[in-house]
Amino acid sequence: MATNRSRRLRKKLCVDEFQELGFELSFQFKEGLADGATEEFLQRFEAAVLAPNELSYAGCDEFGFICLARRGSVSEEQRALVDGWLKQQSELEKFTISPLMDAWYPDQPIHSPA
């Protein structure tokens, strides 16, 4: 693929200075949770963490990806906020959060601004 792209094309492709970051998230719920507890947890997660911080979660109740709800990148502070909230949740046996990664091209390294 060509590397000499116009600014307009770089923006359209979300590459270089227009790269958008997010992170992967996986949950392992405790055994024996009541029916509907997982759905209730995800609704609380949306209301308490995602919506107030303009984040969006795409995935299922065990694995997903968090990105910004608008164009742009998730910050390290937002990632830490999600991590801190999840550590306080009694429904979870454990969870994992990936480092920030390219939301459109996960195998690409994170672009550092020049």
PDB file of N, CA and C in Angstrom:
ATOM      1  N   MET A   1       0.846  -1.186   0.000  1.00  0.00           N
ATOM      2  CA  MET A   1       0.000   0.000   0.000  1.00  0.00           C
ATOM      3  C   MET A   1       0.886   1.243   0.000  1.00  0.00           C
ATOM      4  N   ALA A   2       0.484   2.247  -0.700  1.00  0.00           N
ATOM      5  CA  ALA A   2       1.263   3.478  -0.819  1.00  0.00           C
ATOM      6  C   ALA A   2       1.447   4.146   0.534  1.00  0.00           C
ATOM      7  N   THR A   3       2.619   4.712   0.735  1.00  0.00           N
ATOM      8  CA  THR A   3       2.876   5.408   1.995  1.00  0.00           C
ATOM      9  C   THR A   3       2.841   6.920   1.823  1.00  0.00           C
ATOM     10  N   ASN A   4       2.862   7.401   0.597  1.00  0.00           N
ATOM     11  CA  ASN A   4       2.801   8.824   0.330  1.00  0.00           C
ATOM     12  C   ASN A   4       1.335   9.201   0.074  1.00  0.00           C
ATOM     13  N   ARG A   5       0.611   9.418   1.149  1.00  0.00           N
ATOM     14  CA  ARG A   5      -0.823   9.698   1.053  1.00  0.00           C
ATOM     15  C   ARG A   5      -1.102  11.163   1.368  1.00  0.00           C
ATOM     16  N   SER A   6      -2.158  11.672   0.764  1.00  0.00           N
ATOM     17  CA  SER A   6      -2.574  13.038   1.059  1.00  0.00           C
ATOM     18  C   SER A   6      -3.168  13.102   2.472  1.00  0.00           C
ATOM     19  N   ARG A   7      -3.212  14.284   3.032  1.00  0.00           N
ATOM     20  CA  ARG A   7      -3.792  14.484   4.365  1.00  0.00           C
ATOM     21  C   ARG A   7      -5.237  13.994   4.393  1.00  0.00           C
ATOM     22  N   ARG A   8      -5.982  14.287   3.354  1.00  0.00           N
ATOM     23  CA  ARG A   8      -7.389  13.881   3.274  1.00  0.00           C
ATOM     24  C   ARG A   8      -7.530  12.353   3.315  1.00  0.00           C
ATOM     25  N   LEU A   9      -6.670  11.664   2.584  1.00  0.00           N
ATOM     26  CA  LEU A   9      -6.721  10.202   2.559  1.00  0.00           C
ATOM     27  C   LEU A   9      -6.277   9.610   3.902  1.00  0.00           C
ATOM     28  N   ARG A  10      -5.232  10.200   4.515  1.00  0.00           N
ATOM     29  CA  ARG A  10      -4.795   9.724   5.830  1.00  0.00           C
ATOM     30  C   ARG A  10      -5.914   9.855   6.854  1.00  0.00           C
ATOM     31  N   LYS A  11      -6.662  10.954   6.774  1.00  0.00           N
ATOM     32  CA  LYS A  11      -7.783  11.153   7.700  1.00  0.00           C
ATOM     33  C   LYS A  11      -8.887  10.132   7.440  1.00  0.00           C
ATOM     34  N   LYS A  12      -9.184   9.908   6.180  1.00  0.00           N
ATOM     35  CA  LYS A  12     -10.237   8.954   5.811  1.00  0.00           C
ATOM     36  C   LYS A  12      -9.874   7.530   6.247  1.00  0.00           C
ATOM     37  N   LEU A  13      -8.597   7.184   6.153  1.00  0.00           N
ATOM     38  CA  LEU A  13      -8.133   5.850   6.525  1.00  0.00           C
ATOM     39  C   LEU A  13      -7.801   5.711   8.011  1.00  0.00           C
ATOM     40  N   CYS A  14      -7.846   6.822   8.752  1.00  0.00           N
ATOM     41  CA  CYS A  14      -7.511   6.828  10.190  1.00  0.00           C
ATOM     42  C   CYS A  14      -6.084   6.322  10.423  1.00  0.00           C
ATOM     43  N   VAL A  15      -5.133   6.862   9.674  1.00  0.00           N
ATOM     44  CA  VAL A  15      -3.731   6.471   9.824  1.00  0.00           C
ATOM     45  C   VAL A  15      -2.873   7.687  10.151  1.00  0.00           C
ATOM     46  N   ASP A  16      -1.630   7.403  10.532  1.00  0.00           N
ATOM     47  CA  ASP A  16      -0.640   8.416  10.878  1.00  0.00           C
ATOM     48  C   ASP A  16      -1.174   9.357  11.944  1.00  0.00           C
ATOM     49  N   GLU A  17      -1.232  10.644  11.691  1.00  0.00           N
ATOM     50  CA  GLU A  17      -1.685  11.586  12.726  1.00  0.00           C
ATOM     51  C   GLU A  17      -3.168  11.452  13.045  1.00  0.00           C
ATOM     52  N   PHE A  18      -3.911  10.691  12.245  1.00  0.00           N
ATOM     53  CA  PHE A  18      -5.350  10.495  12.473  1.00  0.00           C
ATOM     54  C   PHE A  18      -5.658   9.117  13.070  1.00  0.00           C
ATOM     55  N   GLN A  19      -4.637   8.428  13.517  1.00  0.00           N
ATOM     56  CA  GLN A  19      -4.806   7.108  14.130  1.00  0.00           C
ATOM     57  C   GLN A  19      -5.714   7.229  15.365  1.00  0.00           C
ATOM     58  N   GLU A  20      -6.608   6.273  15.537  1.00  0.00           N
ATOM     59  CA  GLU A  20      -7.522   6.259  16.680  1.00  0.00           C
ATOM     60  C   GLU A  20      -7.207   5.052  17.554  1.00  0.00           C
ATOM     61  N   LEU A  21      -7.091   5.300  18.863  1.00  0.00           N
ATOM     62  CA  LEU A  21      -6.704   4.252  19.802  1.00  0.00           C
ATOM     63  C   LEU A  21      -7.879   3.794  20.658  1.00  0.00           C
ATOM     64  N   GLY A  22      -7.827   2.542  21.051  1.00  0.00           N
ATOM     65  CA  GLY A  22      -8.792   1.956  21.962  1.00  0.00           C
ATOM     66  C   GLY A  22      -8.108   0.800  22.670  1.00  0.00           C
ATOM     67  N   PHE A  23      -8.890  -0.051  23.355  1.00  0.00           N
ATOM     68  CA  PHE A  23      -8.293  -1.201  24.020  1.00  0.00           C
ATOM     69  C   PHE A  23      -9.281  -2.350  24.128  1.00  0.00           C
ATOM     70  N   GLU A  24      -8.726  -3.557  24.184  1.00  0.00           N
ATOM     71  CA  GLU A  24      -9.541  -4.756  24.335  1.00  0.00           C
ATOM     72  C   GLU A  24      -9.805  -5.004  25.810  1.00  0.00           C
ATOM     73  N   LEU A  25     -10.927  -5.654  26.062  1.00  0.00           N
ATOM     74  CA  LEU A  25     -11.355  -5.917  27.427  1.00  0.00           C
ATOM     75  C   LEU A  25     -12.010  -7.284  27.466  1.00  0.00           C
ATOM     76  N   SER A  26     -11.662  -8.096  28.455  1.00  0.00           N
ATOM     77  CA  SER A  26     -12.348  -9.380  28.613  1.00  0.00           C
ATOM     78  C   SER A  26     -12.727  -9.562  30.076  1.00  0.00           C
ATOM     79  N   PHE A  27     -13.880 -10.185  30.273  1.00  0.00           N
ATOM     80  CA  PHE A  27     -14.424 -10.414  31.613  1.00  0.00           C
ATOM     81  C   PHE A  27     -14.519 -11.906  31.886  1.00  0.00           C
ATOM     82  N   GLN A  28     -14.300 -12.276  33.127  1.00  0.00           N
ATOM     83  CA  GLN A  28     -14.637 -13.618  33.588  1.00  0.00           C
ATOM     84  C   GLN A  28     -15.503 -13.424  34.826  1.00  0.00           C
ATOM     85  N   PHE A  29     -16.777 -13.773  34.698  1.00  0.00           N
ATOM     86  CA  PHE A  29     -17.726 -13.583  35.787  1.00  0.00           C
ATOM     87  C   PHE A  29     -17.626 -14.726  36.786  1.00  0.00           C
ATOM     88  N   LYS A  30     -17.982 -14.450  38.038  1.00  0.00           N
ATOM     89  CA  LYS A  30     -17.987 -15.468  39.080  1.00  0.00           C
ATOM     90  C   LYS A  30     -19.038 -16.527  38.769  1.00  0.00           C
ATOM     91  N   GLU A  31     -18.763 -17.740  39.191  1.00  0.00           N
ATOM     92  CA  GLU A  31     -19.710 -18.844  39.026  1.00  0.00           C
ATOM     93  C   GLU A  31     -20.933 -18.592  39.900  1.00  0.00           C
ATOM     94  N   GLY A  32     -22.079 -19.038  39.428  1.00  0.00           N
ATOM     95  CA  GLY A  32     -23.302 -18.988  40.225  1.00  0.00           C
ATOM     96  C   GLY A  32     -23.984 -17.635  40.310  1.00  0.00           C
ATOM     97  N   LEU A  33     -23.703 -16.738  39.388  1.00  0.00           N
ATOM     98  CA  LEU A  33     -24.395 -15.445  39.396  1.00  0.00           C
ATOM     99  C   LEU A  33     -25.868 -15.656  39.060  1.00  0.00           C
ATOM    100  N   ALA A  34     -26.715 -14.833  39.631  1.00  0.00           N
ATOM    101  CA  ALA A  34     -28.149 -14.909  39.364  1.00  0.00           C
ATOM    102  C   ALA A  34     -28.441 -14.616  37.898  1.00  0.00           C
ATOM    103  N   ASP A  35     -29.570 -15.118  37.418  1.00  0.00           N
ATOM    104  CA  ASP A  35     -30.002 -14.830  36.055  1.00  0.00           C
ATOM    105  C   ASP A  35     -30.120 -13.325  35.875  1.00  0.00           C
ATOM    106  N   GLY A  36     -29.595 -12.822  34.803  1.00  0.00           N
ATOM    107  CA  GLY A  36     -29.680 -11.398  34.510  1.00  0.00           C
ATOM    108  C   GLY A  36     -28.586 -10.561  35.149  1.00  0.00           C
ATOM    109  N   ALA A  37     -27.736 -11.161  35.977  1.00  0.00           N
ATOM    110  CA  ALA A  37     -26.686 -10.384  36.651  1.00  0.00           C
ATOM    111  C   ALA A  37     -25.657  -9.830  35.662  1.00  0.00           C
ATOM    112  N   THR A  38     -25.370 -10.595  34.620  1.00  0.00           N
ATOM    113  CA  THR A  38     -24.409 -10.139  33.618  1.00  0.00           C
ATOM    114  C   THR A  38     -24.954  -8.937  32.861  1.00  0.00           C
ATOM    115  N   GLU A  39     -26.212  -9.022  32.452  1.00  0.00           N
ATOM    116  CA  GLU A  39     -26.852  -7.903  31.742  1.00  0.00           C
ATOM    117  C   GLU A  39     -26.926  -6.661  32.633  1.00  0.00           C
ATOM    118  N   GLU A  40     -27.251  -6.876  33.888  1.00  0.00           N
ATOM    119  CA  GLU A  40     -27.318  -5.770  34.856  1.00  0.00           C
ATOM    120  C   GLU A  40     -25.941  -5.125  35.029  1.00  0.00           C
ATOM    121  N   PHE A  41     -24.908  -5.961  35.095  1.00  0.00           N
ATOM    122  CA  PHE A  41     -23.539  -5.463  35.202  1.00  0.00           C
ATOM    123  C   PHE A  41     -23.181  -4.587  34.003  1.00  0.00           C
ATOM    124  N   LEU A  42     -23.474  -5.072  32.793  1.00  0.00           N
ATOM    125  CA  LEU A  42     -23.151  -4.307  31.584  1.00  0.00           C
ATOM    126  C   LEU A  42     -23.919  -2.994  31.515  1.00  0.00           C
ATOM    127  N   GLN A  43     -25.159  -2.976  31.978  1.00  0.00           N
ATOM    128  CA  GLN A  43     -25.926  -1.731  32.010  1.00  0.00           C
ATOM    129  C   GLN A  43     -25.316  -0.743  33.003  1.00  0.00           C
ATOM    130  N   ARG A  44     -24.885  -1.238  34.166  1.00  0.00           N
ATOM    131  CA  ARG A  44     -24.221  -0.381  35.157  1.00  0.00           C
ATOM    132  C   ARG A  44     -22.900   0.148  34.604  1.00  0.00           C
ATOM    133  N   PHE A  45     -22.172  -0.708  33.916  1.00  0.00           N
ATOM    134  CA  PHE A  45     -20.900  -0.327  33.298  1.00  0.00           C
ATOM    135  C   PHE A  45     -21.116   0.812  32.301  1.00  0.00           C
ATOM    136  N   GLU A  46     -22.137   0.674  31.485  1.00  0.00           N
ATOM    137  CA  GLU A  46     -22.490   1.715  30.507  1.00  0.00           C
ATOM    138  C   GLU A  46     -22.839   3.027  31.200  1.00  0.00           C
ATOM    139  N   ALA A  47     -23.697   2.960  32.209  1.00  0.00           N
ATOM    140  CA  ALA A  47     -24.186   4.173  32.876  1.00  0.00           C
ATOM    141  C   ALA A  47     -23.120   4.844  33.745  1.00  0.00           C
ATOM    142  N   ALA A  48     -22.295   4.056  34.426  1.00  0.00           N
ATOM    143  CA  ALA A  48     -21.343   4.623  35.377  1.00  0.00           C
ATOM    144  C   ALA A  48     -20.010   5.022  34.758  1.00  0.00           C
ATOM    145  N   VAL A  49     -19.578   4.310  33.727  1.00  0.00           N
ATOM    146  CA  VAL A  49     -18.231   4.546  33.196  1.00  0.00           C
ATOM    147  C   VAL A  49     -18.232   5.000  31.747  1.00  0.00           C
ATOM    148  N   LEU A  50     -18.912   4.259  30.889  1.00  0.00           N
ATOM    149  CA  LEU A  50     -18.810   4.525  29.459  1.00  0.00           C
ATOM    150  C   LEU A  50     -19.466   5.841  29.040  1.00  0.00           C
ATOM    151  N   ALA A  51     -20.750   5.986  29.295  1.00  0.00           N
ATOM    152  CA  ALA A  51     -21.481   7.186  28.850  1.00  0.00           C
ATOM    153  C   ALA A  51     -20.890   8.483  29.404  1.00  0.00           C
ATOM    154  N   PRO A  52     -20.608   8.579  30.715  1.00  0.00           N
ATOM    155  CA  PRO A  52     -20.058   9.843  31.232  1.00  0.00           C
ATOM    156  C   PRO A  52     -18.693  10.214  30.654  1.00  0.00           C
ATOM    157  N   ASN A  53     -17.954   9.231  30.152  1.00  0.00           N
ATOM    158  CA  ASN A  53     -16.609   9.474  29.624  1.00  0.00           C
ATOM    159  C   ASN A  53     -16.538   9.392  28.111  1.00  0.00           C
ATOM    160  N   GLU A  54     -17.708   9.407  27.445  1.00  0.00           N
ATOM    161  CA  GLU A  54     -17.803   9.362  25.986  1.00  0.00           C
ATOM    162  C   GLU A  54     -17.078   8.158  25.395  1.00  0.00           C
ATOM    163  N   LEU A  55     -17.229   6.996  26.059  1.00  0.00           N
ATOM    164  CA  LEU A  55     -16.628   5.762  25.570  1.00  0.00           C
ATOM    165  C   LEU A  55     -17.717   4.859  25.015  1.00  0.00           C
ATOM    166  N   SER A  56     -17.316   3.959  24.145  1.00  0.00           N
ATOM    167  CA  SER A  56     -18.249   3.015  23.537  1.00  0.00           C
ATOM    168  C   SER A  56     -17.671   1.608  23.649  1.00  0.00           C
ATOM    169  N   TYR A  57     -18.525   0.645  24.002  1.00  0.00           N
ATOM    170  CA  TYR A  57     -18.114  -0.753  24.133  1.00  0.00           C
ATOM    171  C   TYR A  57     -18.781  -1.555  23.042  1.00  0.00           C
ATOM    172  N   ALA A  58     -17.993  -2.282  22.283  1.00  0.00           N
ATOM    173  CA  ALA A  58     -18.524  -3.161  21.239  1.00  0.00           C
ATOM    174  C   ALA A  58     -18.046  -4.570  21.540  1.00  0.00           C
ATOM    175  N   GLY A  59     -18.980  -5.489  21.624  1.00  0.00           N
ATOM    176  CA  GLY A  59     -18.605  -6.864  21.891  1.00  0.00           C
ATOM    177  C   GLY A  59     -19.735  -7.608  22.566  1.00  0.00           C
ATOM    178  N   CYS A  60     -19.395  -8.665  23.274  1.00  0.00           N
ATOM    179  CA  CYS A  60     -20.398  -9.458  23.980  1.00  0.00           C
ATOM    180  C   CYS A  60     -20.172  -9.308  25.479  1.00  0.00           C
ATOM    181  N   ASP A  61     -20.801 -10.167  26.258  1.00  0.00           N
ATOM    182  CA  ASP A  61     -20.666 -10.029  27.705  1.00  0.00           C
ATOM    183  C   ASP A  61     -19.384 -10.646  28.266  1.00  0.00           C
ATOM    184  N   GLU A  62     -18.532 -11.187  27.420  1.00  0.00           N
ATOM    185  CA  GLU A  62     -17.265 -11.752  27.885  1.00  0.00           C
ATOM    186  C   GLU A  62     -16.033 -11.089  27.265  1.00  0.00           C
ATOM    187  N   PHE A  63     -16.204 -10.452  26.123  1.00  0.00           N
ATOM    188  CA  PHE A  63     -15.065  -9.866  25.420  1.00  0.00           C
ATOM    189  C   PHE A  63     -15.543  -8.709  24.562  1.00  0.00           C
ATOM    190  N   GLY A  64     -14.743  -7.654  24.497  1.00  0.00           N
ATOM    191  CA  GLY A  64     -15.109  -6.533  23.642  1.00  0.00           C
ATOM    192  C   GLY A  64     -13.962  -5.557  23.457  1.00  0.00           C
ATOM    193  N   PHE A  65     -14.293  -4.459  22.836  1.00  0.00           N
ATOM    194  CA  PHE A  65     -13.329  -3.410  22.520  1.00  0.00           C
ATOM    195  C   PHE A  65     -13.921  -2.079  22.956  1.00  0.00           C
ATOM    196  N   ILE A  66     -13.125  -1.250  23.580  1.00  0.00           N
ATOM    197  CA  ILE A  66     -13.573   0.076  23.998  1.00  0.00           C
ATOM    198  C   ILE A  66     -12.847   1.118  23.169  1.00  0.00           C
ATOM    199  N   CYS A  67     -13.642   2.014  22.596  1.00  0.00           N
ATOM    200  CA  CYS A  67     -13.098   3.127  21.830  1.00  0.00           C
ATOM    201  C   CYS A  67     -13.881   4.379  22.212  1.00  0.00           C
ATOM    202  N   LEU A  68     -13.478   5.492  21.668  1.00  0.00           N
ATOM    203  CA  LEU A  68     -14.180   6.740  21.919  1.00  0.00           C
ATOM    204  C   LEU A  68     -15.504   6.730  21.161  1.00  0.00           C
ATOM    205  N   ALA A  69     -16.545   7.259  21.750  1.00  0.00           N
ATOM    206  CA  ALA A  69     -17.869   7.270  21.121  1.00  0.00           C
ATOM    207  C   ALA A  69     -17.938   8.266  19.964  1.00  0.00           C
ATOM    208  N   ARG A  70     -16.955   9.107  19.853  1.00  0.00           N
ATOM    209  CA  ARG A  70     -16.867  10.042  18.732  1.00  0.00           C
ATOM    210  C   ARG A  70     -15.510   9.820  18.083  1.00  0.00           C
ATOM    211  N   ARG A  71     -15.209  10.554  17.065  1.00  0.00           N
ATOM    212  CA  ARG A  71     -13.908  10.398  16.404  1.00  0.00           C
ATOM    213  C   ARG A  71     -12.789  10.812  17.358  1.00  0.00           C
ATOM    214  N   GLY A  72     -11.750  10.007  17.428  1.00  0.00           N
ATOM    215  CA  GLY A  72     -10.622  10.317  18.298  1.00  0.00           C
ATOM    216  C   GLY A  72     -10.126   9.084  19.023  1.00  0.00           C
ATOM    217  N   SER A  73      -9.258   9.288  19.989  1.00  0.00           N
ATOM    218  CA  SER A  73      -8.615   8.185  20.696  1.00  0.00           C
ATOM    219  C   SER A  73      -8.959   8.173  22.174  1.00  0.00           C
ATOM    220  N   VAL A  74      -8.987   6.984  22.728  1.00  0.00           N
ATOM    221  CA  VAL A  74      -9.119   6.809  24.166  1.00  0.00           C
ATOM    222  C   VAL A  74      -7.789   7.229  24.779  1.00  0.00           C
ATOM    223  N   SER A  75      -7.834   7.910  25.901  1.00  0.00           N
ATOM    224  CA  SER A  75      -6.604   8.322  26.582  1.00  0.00           C
ATOM    225  C   SER A  75      -6.198   7.263  27.604  1.00  0.00           C
ATOM    226  N   GLU A  76      -4.968   7.337  28.031  1.00  0.00           N
ATOM    227  CA  GLU A  76      -4.474   6.430  29.067  1.00  0.00           C
ATOM    228  C   GLU A  76      -5.244   6.655  30.377  1.00  0.00           C
ATOM    229  N   GLU A  77      -5.680   7.888  30.624  1.00  0.00           N
ATOM    230  CA  GLU A  77      -6.457   8.191  31.825  1.00  0.00           C
ATOM    231  C   GLU A  77      -7.829   7.506  31.778  1.00  0.00           C
ATOM    232  N   GLN A  78      -8.464   7.505  30.612  1.00  0.00           N
ATOM    233  CA  GLN A  78      -9.756   6.835  30.464  1.00  0.00           C
ATOM    234  C   GLN A  78      -9.591   5.324  30.635  1.00  0.00           C
ATOM    235  N   ARG A  79      -8.521   4.782  30.123  1.00  0.00           N
ATOM    236  CA  ARG A  79      -8.237   3.354  30.285  1.00  0.00           C
ATOM    237  C   ARG A  79      -8.062   3.024  31.766  1.00  0.00           C
ATOM    238  N   ALA A  80      -7.326   3.862  32.486  1.00  0.00           N
ATOM    239  CA  ALA A  80      -7.106   3.656  33.922  1.00  0.00           C
ATOM    240  C   ALA A  80      -8.411   3.784  34.701  1.00  0.00           C
ATOM    241  N   LEU A  81      -9.298   4.681  34.273  1.00  0.00           N
ATOM    242  CA  LEU A  81     -10.589   4.850  34.923  1.00  0.00           C
ATOM    243  C   LEU A  81     -11.426   3.573  34.798  1.00  0.00           C
ATOM    244  N   VAL A  82     -11.451   2.984  33.611  1.00  0.00           N
ATOM    245  CA  VAL A  82     -12.172   1.723  33.390  1.00  0.00           C
ATOM    246  C   VAL A  82     -11.575   0.635  34.274  1.00  0.00           C
ATOM    247  N   ASP A  83     -10.256   0.538  34.306  1.00  0.00           N
ATOM    248  CA  ASP A  83      -9.571  -0.455  35.121  1.00  0.00           C
ATOM    249  C   ASP A  83      -9.938  -0.290  36.602  1.00  0.00           C
ATOM    250  N   GLY A  84      -9.903   0.921  37.107  1.00  0.00           N
ATOM    251  CA  GLY A  84     -10.236   1.183  38.509  1.00  0.00           C
ATOM    252  C   GLY A  84     -11.668   0.809  38.859  1.00  0.00           C
ATOM    253  N   TRP A  85     -12.603   1.113  37.969  1.00  0.00           N
ATOM    254  CA  TRP A  85     -14.015   0.783  38.224  1.00  0.00           C
ATOM    255  C   TRP A  85     -14.207  -0.730  38.228  1.00  0.00           C
ATOM    256  N   LEU A  86     -13.606  -1.419  37.272  1.00  0.00           N
ATOM    257  CA  LEU A  86     -13.770  -2.877  37.189  1.00  0.00           C
ATOM    258  C   LEU A  86     -13.190  -3.595  38.401  1.00  0.00           C
ATOM    259  N   LYS A  87     -12.115  -3.075  38.977  1.00  0.00           N
ATOM    260  CA  LYS A  87     -11.508  -3.689  40.163  1.00  0.00           C
ATOM    261  C   LYS A  87     -12.460  -3.689  41.356  1.00  0.00           C
ATOM    262  N   GLN A  88     -13.437  -2.800  41.349  1.00  0.00           N
ATOM    263  CA  GLN A  88     -14.375  -2.686  42.468  1.00  0.00           C
ATOM    264  C   GLN A  88     -15.646  -3.515  42.290  1.00  0.00           C
ATOM    265  N   GLN A  89     -15.775  -4.237  41.197  1.00  0.00           N
ATOM    266  CA  GLN A  89     -17.016  -4.951  40.895  1.00  0.00           C
ATOM    267  C   GLN A  89     -16.979  -6.385  41.412  1.00  0.00           C
ATOM    268  N   SER A  90     -17.955  -6.716  42.242  1.00  0.00           N
ATOM    269  CA  SER A  90     -17.992  -8.021  42.898  1.00  0.00           C
ATOM    270  C   SER A  90     -18.407  -9.154  41.962  1.00  0.00           C
ATOM    271  N   GLU A  91     -19.027  -8.852  40.834  1.00  0.00           N
ATOM    272  CA  GLU A  91     -19.474  -9.896  39.903  1.00  0.00           C
ATOM    273  C   GLU A  91     -18.322 -10.551  39.140  1.00  0.00           C
ATOM    274  N   LEU A  92     -17.195  -9.879  39.090  1.00  0.00           N
ATOM    275  CA  LEU A  92     -16.082 -10.355  38.269  1.00  0.00           C
ATOM    276  C   LEU A  92     -15.113 -11.229  39.055  1.00  0.00           C
ATOM    277  N   GLU A  93     -14.814 -12.373  38.470  1.00  0.00           N
ATOM    278  CA  GLU A  93     -13.756 -13.240  38.998  1.00  0.00           C
ATOM    279  C   GLU A  93     -12.417 -12.596  38.643  1.00  0.00           C
ATOM    280  N   LYS A  94     -12.296 -12.210  37.368  1.00  0.00           N
ATOM    281  CA  LYS A  94     -11.119 -11.485  36.885  1.00  0.00           C
ATOM    282  C   LYS A  94     -11.469 -10.817  35.568  1.00  0.00           C
ATOM    283  N   PHE A  95     -10.590  -9.923  35.137  1.00  0.00           N
ATOM    284  CA  PHE A  95     -10.752  -9.239  33.853  1.00  0.00           C
ATOM    285  C   PHE A  95      -9.368  -8.882  33.344  1.00  0.00           C
ATOM    286  N   THR A  96      -9.278  -8.664  32.046  1.00  0.00           N
ATOM    287  CA  THR A  96      -8.019  -8.218  31.458  1.00  0.00           C
ATOM    288  C   THR A  96      -8.286  -7.018  30.558  1.00  0.00           C
ATOM    289  N   ILE A  97      -7.346  -6.102  30.569  1.00  0.00           N
ATOM    290  CA  ILE A  97      -7.402  -4.909  29.724  1.00  0.00           C
ATOM    291  C   ILE A  97      -6.096  -4.850  28.943  1.00  0.00           C
ATOM    292  N   SER A  98      -6.203  -4.718  27.639  1.00  0.00           N
ATOM    293  CA  SER A  98      -5.002  -4.628  26.809  1.00  0.00           C
ATOM    294  C   SER A  98      -4.409  -3.227  26.891  1.00  0.00           C
ATOM    295  N   PRO A  99      -3.171  -3.068  26.465  1.00  0.00           N
ATOM    296  CA  PRO A  99      -2.625  -1.717  26.298  1.00  0.00           C
ATOM    297  C   PRO A  99      -3.398  -1.010  25.182  1.00  0.00           C
ATOM    298  N   LEU A 100      -3.246   0.297  25.094  1.00  0.00           N
ATOM    299  CA  LEU A 100      -3.877   1.030  23.996  1.00  0.00           C
ATOM    300  C   LEU A 100      -3.344   0.489  22.675  1.00  0.00           C
ATOM    301  N   MET A 101      -4.252   0.387  21.703  1.00  0.00           N
ATOM    302  CA  MET A 101      -3.890  -0.143  20.395  1.00  0.00           C
ATOM    303  C   MET A 101      -4.685   0.566  19.318  1.00  0.00           C
ATOM    304  N   ASP A 102      -4.233   0.438  18.083  1.00  0.00           N
ATOM    305  CA  ASP A 102      -4.914   1.047  16.949  1.00  0.00           C
ATOM    306  C   ASP A 102      -6.297   0.408  16.807  1.00  0.00           C
ATOM    307  N   ALA A 103      -7.337   1.229  16.823  1.00  0.00           N
ATOM    308  CA  ALA A 103      -8.715   0.729  16.760  1.00  0.00           C
ATOM    309  C   ALA A 103      -9.079   0.209  15.375  1.00  0.00           C
ATOM    310  N   TRP A 104      -8.454   0.714  14.335  1.00  0.00           N
ATOM    311  CA  TRP A 104      -8.794   0.317  12.970  1.00  0.00           C
ATOM    312  C   TRP A 104      -7.867  -0.768  12.438  1.00  0.00           C
ATOM    313  N   TYR A 105      -6.615  -0.708  12.818  1.00  0.00           N
ATOM    314  CA  TYR A 105      -5.600  -1.642  12.326  1.00  0.00           C
ATOM    315  C   TYR A 105      -4.816  -2.169  13.531  1.00  0.00           C
ATOM    316  N   PRO A 106      -5.367  -3.143  14.255  1.00  0.00           N
ATOM    317  CA  PRO A 106      -4.769  -3.591  15.524  1.00  0.00           C
ATOM    318  C   PRO A 106      -3.319  -4.064  15.430  1.00  0.00           C
ATOM    319  N   ASP A 107      -2.888  -4.517  14.277  1.00  0.00           N
ATOM    320  CA  ASP A 107      -1.513  -5.004  14.141  1.00  0.00           C
ATOM    321  C   ASP A 107      -0.501  -3.883  13.908  1.00  0.00           C
ATOM    322  N   GLN A 108      -0.979  -2.672  13.683  1.00  0.00           N
ATOM    323  CA  GLN A 108      -0.085  -1.544  13.428  1.00  0.00           C
ATOM    324  C   GLN A 108       0.433  -0.962  14.754  1.00  0.00           C
ATOM    325  N   PRO A 109       1.666  -0.513  14.788  1.00  0.00           N
ATOM    326  CA  PRO A 109       2.183   0.133  16.002  1.00  0.00           C
ATOM    327  C   PRO A 109       1.498   1.486  16.215  1.00  0.00           C
ATOM    328  N   ILE A 110       1.534   1.929  17.449  1.00  0.00           N
ATOM    329  CA  ILE A 110       0.940   3.236  17.775  1.00  0.00           C
ATOM    330  C   ILE A 110       1.829   4.327  17.205  1.00  0.00           C
ATOM    331  N   HIS A 111       1.198   5.235  16.477  1.00  0.00           N
ATOM    332  CA  HIS A 111       1.895   6.367  15.846  1.00  0.00           C
ATOM    333  C   HIS A 111       2.280   7.377  16.919  1.00  0.00           C
ATOM    334  N   SER A 112       3.525   7.768  16.943  1.00  0.00           N
ATOM    335  CA  SER A 112       3.946   8.821  17.889  1.00  0.00           C
ATOM    336  C   SER A 112       4.055  10.123  17.116  1.00  0.00           C
ATOM    337  N   PRO A 113       3.364  11.164  17.606  1.00  0.00           N
ATOM    338  CA  PRO A 113       3.390  12.457  16.900  1.00  0.00           C
ATOM    339  C   PRO A 113       4.803  13.019  16.827  1.00  0.00           C
ATOM    340  N   ALA A 114       5.136  13.569  15.688  1.00  0.00           N
ATOM    341  CA  ALA A 114       6.475  14.146  15.482  1.00  0.00           C
ATOM    342  C   ALA A 114       6.578  15.536  16.037  1.00  0.00           C
TER     343      ALA A 114
END
